Amino acid sequence: MSDRVVENASEEIPEIPEIVEQVLLMALDEAKNTMVAGDDVVPFTCLAVKENVFIETHPGDDADECFAKAKKEVSNARGAAAYAFCYDGFVDTDDGVLDVIIAEGGLPGSPDGFAIGMIYEETEEGFSIDEEPVYIGEAPNFMMDLYEPGLYDEDEINQKYLEEAFGVDEEEAE
């Protein structure tokens, strides 16, 4: 899973919403445990729904197929509070290319997505994985088009429904 561009145009680390941070860290921990056990990390998503986290794998023939499957799963996850998409990748740094377990995530309705990761090296004994996650950069938010509960009032939801379903605005419908 290496064909992904995550932007990091600034040195400043943004404030990551707590629920997103928790889901990202959980995903990294899950991937780390998989690697330590000697198994390959199949790209997967974690969806936080109420007090539960649902994990779904997204295998594919190439990175584009895995990302498309994950995006489809997450972008249709109505009722989820946050998500993480986790995969084995790499980052290109001034010091060279580093292997990283990467987790991207976001909130419904937010334009902001975040990517964090755990740098690792393959050793003769297995994997040496850094314990402390690092901020990688901004990432696409697969939940950007899902609205946050309470963000719209009933009239705005009805208006949006009429426009999407019938291509008309409320005044035309009357």
C-alpha atoms as a PDB file:
ATOM      1  CA  MET A   1       0.000   0.000   0.000  1.00  0.00           C
ATOM      2  CA  SER A   2       2.322   2.710  -1.111  1.00  0.00           C
ATOM      3  CA  ASP A   3       0.540   4.683  -3.805  1.00  0.00           C
ATOM      4  CA  ARG A   4      -0.934   7.384  -1.589  1.00  0.00           C
ATOM      5  CA  VAL A   5      -0.069  11.054  -1.293  1.00  0.00           C
ATOM      6  CA  VAL A   6      -0.680  12.653   2.083  1.00  0.00           C
ATOM      7  CA  GLU A   7      -0.022  16.373   2.176  1.00  0.00           C
ATOM      8  CA  ASN A   8       2.154  17.935   4.867  1.00  0.00           C
ATOM      9  CA  ALA A   9       2.767  21.516   3.859  1.00  0.00           C
ATOM     10  CA  SER A  10       3.423  22.845   7.355  1.00  0.00           C
ATOM     11  CA  GLU A  11       5.405  21.876  10.397  1.00  0.00           C
ATOM     12  CA  GLU A  12       2.476  22.708  12.683  1.00  0.00           C
ATOM     13  CA  ILE A  13       0.518  19.761  14.057  1.00  0.00           C
ATOM     14  CA  PRO A  14      -3.217  20.507  14.049  1.00  0.00           C
ATOM     15  CA  GLU A  15      -5.560  19.662  16.895  1.00  0.00           C
ATOM     16  CA  ILE A  16      -7.024  16.257  16.065  1.00  0.00           C
ATOM     17  CA  PRO A  17     -10.530  15.737  17.484  1.00  0.00           C
ATOM     18  CA  GLU A  18     -10.409  13.297  20.408  1.00  0.00           C
ATOM     19  CA  ILE A  19     -12.681  10.645  18.877  1.00  0.00           C
ATOM     20  CA  VAL A  20     -10.660  10.654  15.648  1.00  0.00           C
ATOM     21  CA  GLU A  21      -7.413  10.383  17.595  1.00  0.00           C
ATOM     22  CA  GLN A  22      -8.770   7.431  19.588  1.00  0.00           C
ATOM     23  CA  VAL A  23      -9.887   5.565  16.460  1.00  0.00           C
ATOM     24  CA  LEU A  24      -6.587   6.307  14.683  1.00  0.00           C
ATOM     25  CA  LEU A  25      -4.571   5.010  17.647  1.00  0.00           C
ATOM     26  CA  MET A  26      -6.751   1.905  17.911  1.00  0.00           C
ATOM     27  CA  ALA A  27      -6.218   1.189  14.203  1.00  0.00           C
ATOM     28  CA  LEU A  28      -2.443   1.620  14.529  1.00  0.00           C
ATOM     29  CA  ASP A  29      -2.417  -0.715  17.524  1.00  0.00           C
ATOM     30  CA  GLU A  30      -4.416  -3.327  15.596  1.00  0.00           C
ATOM     31  CA  ALA A  31      -2.018  -3.118  12.622  1.00  0.00           C
ATOM     32  CA  LYS A  32       1.028  -3.217  14.897  1.00  0.00           C
ATOM     33  CA  ASN A  33      -0.242  -6.387  16.604  1.00  0.00           C
ATOM     34  CA  THR A  34      -0.859  -7.954  13.200  1.00  0.00           C
ATOM     35  CA  MET A  35       2.703  -7.191  12.063  1.00  0.00           C
ATOM     36  CA  VAL A  36       4.265  -8.412  15.310  1.00  0.00           C
ATOM     37  CA  ALA A  37       2.326 -11.679  14.914  1.00  0.00           C
ATOM     38  CA  GLY A  38       4.039 -12.093  11.528  1.00  0.00           C
ATOM     39  CA  ASP A  39       0.978 -11.435   9.377  1.00  0.00           C
ATOM     40  CA  ASP A  40       0.537  -8.945   6.545  1.00  0.00           C
ATOM     41  CA  VAL A  41      -1.532  -5.852   7.250  1.00  0.00           C
ATOM     42  CA  VAL A  42      -4.497  -5.982   4.903  1.00  0.00           C
ATOM     43  CA  PRO A  43      -5.866  -2.429   4.536  1.00  0.00           C
ATOM     44  CA  PHE A  44      -8.804  -1.981   6.876  1.00  0.00           C
ATOM     45  CA  THR A  45     -11.229   0.579   8.217  1.00  0.00           C
ATOM     46  CA  CYS A  46     -12.428   1.144  11.761  1.00  0.00           C
ATOM     47  CA  LEU A  47     -15.815   2.806  12.196  1.00  0.00           C
ATOM     48  CA  ALA A  48     -16.756   4.239  15.596  1.00  0.00           C
ATOM     49  CA  VAL A  49     -20.501   3.800  16.117  1.00  0.00           C
ATOM     50  CA  LYS A  50     -21.713   4.692  19.610  1.00  0.00           C
ATOM     51  CA  GLU A  51     -19.565   2.617  22.011  1.00  0.00           C
ATOM     52  CA  ASN A  52     -18.526   0.111  19.331  1.00  0.00           C
ATOM     53  CA  VAL A  53     -15.779   0.004  16.735  1.00  0.00           C
ATOM     54  CA  PHE A  54     -16.383  -2.058  13.607  1.00  0.00           C
ATOM     55  CA  ILE A  55     -13.408  -3.293  11.586  1.00  0.00           C
ATOM     56  CA  GLU A  56     -13.677  -4.196   7.912  1.00  0.00           C
ATOM     57  CA  THR A  57     -10.785  -5.305   5.666  1.00  0.00           C
ATOM     58  CA  HIS A  58     -10.407  -3.980   2.117  1.00  0.00           C
ATOM     59  CA  PRO A  59      -8.118  -6.306   0.152  1.00  0.00           C
ATOM     60  CA  GLY A  60      -7.438  -5.549  -3.470  1.00  0.00           C
ATOM     61  CA  ASP A  61      -5.135  -6.192  -6.397  1.00  0.00           C
ATOM     62  CA  ASP A  62      -3.567  -2.732  -6.069  1.00  0.00           C
ATOM     63  CA  ALA A  63      -3.582   0.331  -3.823  1.00  0.00           C
ATOM     64  CA  ASP A  64      -6.239   2.145  -5.872  1.00  0.00           C
ATOM     65  CA  GLU A  65      -8.689  -0.728  -5.461  1.00  0.00           C
ATOM     66  CA  CYS A  66      -8.102  -0.884  -1.671  1.00  0.00           C
ATOM     67  CA  PHE A  67      -8.593   2.871  -1.291  1.00  0.00           C
ATOM     68  CA  ALA A  68     -11.747   2.810  -3.434  1.00  0.00           C
ATOM     69  CA  LYS A  69     -13.262   0.002  -1.335  1.00  0.00           C
ATOM     70  CA  ALA A  70     -12.405   1.803   1.915  1.00  0.00           C
ATOM     71  CA  LYS A  71     -13.795   5.108   0.653  1.00  0.00           C
ATOM     72  CA  LYS A  72     -17.042   3.438  -0.447  1.00  0.00           C
ATOM     73  CA  GLU A  73     -17.438   1.743   2.951  1.00  0.00           C
ATOM     74  CA  VAL A  74     -16.729   4.888   4.968  1.00  0.00           C
ATOM     75  CA  SER A  75     -18.581   7.410   2.810  1.00  0.00           C
ATOM     76  CA  ASN A  76     -21.786   5.390   3.311  1.00  0.00           C
ATOM     77  CA  ALA A  77     -21.371   4.894   7.066  1.00  0.00           C
ATOM     78  CA  ARG A  78     -24.273   6.983   8.306  1.00  0.00           C
ATOM     79  CA  GLY A  79     -24.400   7.048  12.085  1.00  0.00           C
ATOM     80  CA  ALA A  80     -20.655   6.594  12.542  1.00  0.00           C
ATOM     81  CA  ALA A  81     -18.955   9.226  14.703  1.00  0.00           C
ATOM     82  CA  ALA A  82     -15.461   8.838  13.196  1.00  0.00           C
ATOM     83  CA  TYR A  83     -13.343   6.484  11.144  1.00  0.00           C
ATOM     84  CA  ALA A  84      -9.787   5.340  10.534  1.00  0.00           C
ATOM     85  CA  PHE A  85      -8.371   3.764   7.394  1.00  0.00           C
ATOM     86  CA  CYS A  86      -5.162   1.878   8.145  1.00  0.00           C
ATOM     87  CA  TYR A  87      -2.548   0.343   5.863  1.00  0.00           C
ATOM     88  CA  ASP A  88       1.148  -0.478   5.557  1.00  0.00           C
ATOM     89  CA  GLY A  89       2.884   2.260   3.598  1.00  0.00           C
ATOM     90  CA  PHE A  90       5.878   4.544   3.524  1.00  0.00           C
ATOM     91  CA  VAL A  91       6.748   8.220   3.786  1.00  0.00           C
ATOM     92  CA  ASP A  92       9.360  10.041   1.775  1.00  0.00           C
ATOM     93  CA  THR A  93      11.418  12.267   4.098  1.00  0.00           C
ATOM     94  CA  ASP A  94      14.586  14.341   3.846  1.00  0.00           C
ATOM     95  CA  ASP A  95      16.357  11.351   5.422  1.00  0.00           C
ATOM     96  CA  GLY A  96      15.001   8.920   2.840  1.00  0.00           C
ATOM     97  CA  VAL A  97      12.032   6.603   2.585  1.00  0.00           C
ATOM     98  CA  LEU A  98      10.670   5.230   5.876  1.00  0.00           C
ATOM     99  CA  ASP A  99       8.302   2.280   6.299  1.00  0.00           C
ATOM    100  CA  VAL A 100       5.225   3.341   8.258  1.00  0.00           C
ATOM    101  CA  ILE A 101       1.950   1.889   9.425  1.00  0.00           C
ATOM    102  CA  ILE A 102      -0.410   4.707   8.415  1.00  0.00           C
ATOM    103  CA  ALA A 103      -3.865   5.537   9.766  1.00  0.00           C
ATOM    104  CA  GLU A 104      -6.001   8.245   8.158  1.00  0.00           C
ATOM    105  CA  GLY A 105      -9.282   9.449   9.588  1.00  0.00           C
ATOM    106  CA  GLY A 106     -11.882  12.125  10.047  1.00  0.00           C
ATOM    107  CA  LEU A 107     -15.320  13.168  11.244  1.00  0.00           C
ATOM    108  CA  PRO A 108     -18.632  13.258   9.356  1.00  0.00           C
ATOM    109  CA  GLY A 109     -19.180  16.552   7.546  1.00  0.00           C
ATOM    110  CA  SER A 110     -15.683  17.878   8.212  1.00  0.00           C
ATOM    111  CA  PRO A 111     -13.391  18.910   5.366  1.00  0.00           C
ATOM    112  CA  ASP A 112     -10.375  17.953   7.496  1.00  0.00           C
ATOM    113  CA  GLY A 113      -8.747  14.535   7.466  1.00  0.00           C
ATOM    114  CA  PHE A 114      -5.661  13.532   9.432  1.00  0.00           C
ATOM    115  CA  ALA A 115      -2.913  10.964   8.965  1.00  0.00           C
ATOM    116  CA  ILE A 116      -0.668   9.602  11.701  1.00  0.00           C
ATOM    117  CA  GLY A 117       1.667   6.648  11.678  1.00  0.00           C
ATOM    118  CA  MET A 118       4.160   4.399  13.405  1.00  0.00           C
ATOM    119  CA  ILE A 119       7.578   4.118  11.807  1.00  0.00           C
ATOM    120  CA  TYR A 120       8.998   0.606  11.678  1.00  0.00           C
ATOM    121  CA  GLU A 121      11.979  -1.359  10.452  1.00  0.00           C
ATOM    122  CA  GLU A 122      12.120  -5.001   9.494  1.00  0.00           C
ATOM    123  CA  THR A 123      14.774  -6.832  11.502  1.00  0.00           C
ATOM    124  CA  GLU A 124      16.040 -10.396  11.633  1.00  0.00           C
ATOM    125  CA  GLU A 125      13.781 -10.985  14.651  1.00  0.00           C
ATOM    126  CA  GLY A 126      10.680  -9.489  13.024  1.00  0.00           C
ATOM    127  CA  PHE A 127       9.705  -5.839  13.221  1.00  0.00           C
ATOM    128  CA  SER A 128      10.963  -2.954  15.321  1.00  0.00           C
ATOM    129  CA  ILE A 129       8.030  -0.556  15.575  1.00  0.00           C
ATOM    130  CA  ASP A 130       8.244   2.867  17.213  1.00  0.00           C
ATOM    131  CA  GLU A 131       5.893   3.123  20.176  1.00  0.00           C
ATOM    132  CA  GLU A 132       5.143   6.822  19.661  1.00  0.00           C
ATOM    133  CA  PRO A 133       2.948   7.728  16.671  1.00  0.00           C
ATOM    134  CA  VAL A 134       4.003  10.631  14.465  1.00  0.00           C
ATOM    135  CA  TYR A 135       1.857  13.156  12.630  1.00  0.00           C
ATOM    136  CA  ILE A 136       2.176  12.579   8.888  1.00  0.00           C
ATOM    137  CA  GLY A 137      -0.083  15.259   7.449  1.00  0.00           C
ATOM    138  CA  GLU A 138      -3.487  16.184   6.123  1.00  0.00           C
ATOM    139  CA  ALA A 139      -5.424  13.394   4.450  1.00  0.00           C
ATOM    140  CA  PRO A 140      -8.630  13.151   2.451  1.00  0.00           C
ATOM    141  CA  ASN A 141     -11.683  12.732   4.689  1.00  0.00           C
ATOM    142  CA  PHE A 142     -13.863   9.912   3.357  1.00  0.00           C
ATOM    143  CA  MET A 143     -16.696  11.163   5.627  1.00  0.00           C
ATOM    144  CA  MET A 144     -16.618  14.726   4.354  1.00  0.00           C
ATOM    145  CA  ASP A 145     -19.982  14.415   2.589  1.00  0.00           C
ATOM    146  CA  LEU A 146     -21.777  12.909   5.591  1.00  0.00           C
ATOM    147  CA  TYR A 147     -23.512  15.524   7.689  1.00  0.00           C
ATOM    148  CA  GLU A 148     -23.010  15.765  11.410  1.00  0.00           C
ATOM    149  CA  PRO A 149     -26.163  15.237  13.522  1.00  0.00           C
ATOM    150  CA  GLY A 150     -27.464  18.612  14.622  1.00  0.00           C
ATOM    151  CA  LEU A 151     -25.548  20.438  11.896  1.00  0.00           C
ATOM    152  CA  TYR A 152     -28.693  21.062   9.808  1.00  0.00           C
ATOM    153  CA  ASP A 153     -32.180  21.924  10.993  1.00  0.00           C
ATOM    154  CA  GLU A 154     -35.226  20.063   9.629  1.00  0.00           C
ATOM    155  CA  ASP A 155     -35.967  22.649   6.909  1.00  0.00           C
ATOM    156  CA  GLU A 156     -32.395  22.482   5.616  1.00  0.00           C
ATOM    157  CA  ILE A 157     -32.533  18.669   5.522  1.00  0.00           C
ATOM    158  CA  ASN A 158     -35.854  18.751   3.646  1.00  0.00           C
ATOM    159  CA  GLN A 159     -34.421  21.295   1.194  1.00  0.00           C
ATOM    160  CA  LYS A 160     -31.310  19.199   0.614  1.00  0.00           C
ATOM    161  CA  TYR A 161     -33.457  16.069   0.118  1.00  0.00           C
ATOM    162  CA  LEU A 162     -35.695  17.789  -2.456  1.00  0.00           C
ATOM    163  CA  GLU A 163     -32.705  19.100  -4.381  1.00  0.00           C
ATOM    164  CA  GLU A 164     -30.885  15.755  -4.392  1.00  0.00           C
ATOM    165  CA  ALA A 165     -33.908  13.529  -5.009  1.00  0.00           C
ATOM    166  CA  PHE A 166     -35.880  15.636  -7.446  1.00  0.00           C
ATOM    167  CA  GLY A 167     -33.597  18.417  -8.618  1.00  0.00           C
ATOM    168  CA  VAL A 168     -35.997  21.094  -7.368  1.00  0.00           C
ATOM    169  CA  ASP A 169     -35.922  23.581  -4.552  1.00  0.00           C
ATOM    170  CA  GLU A 170     -38.664  23.848  -1.910  1.00  0.00           C
ATOM    171  CA  GLU A 171     -40.415  26.822  -3.561  1.00  0.00           C
ATOM    172  CA  GLU A 172     -40.750  24.903  -6.848  1.00  0.00           C
ATOM    173  CA  ALA A 173     -42.179  21.892  -4.975  1.00  0.00           C
ATOM    174  CA  GLU A 174     -45.103  23.917  -3.510  1.00  0.00           C
END
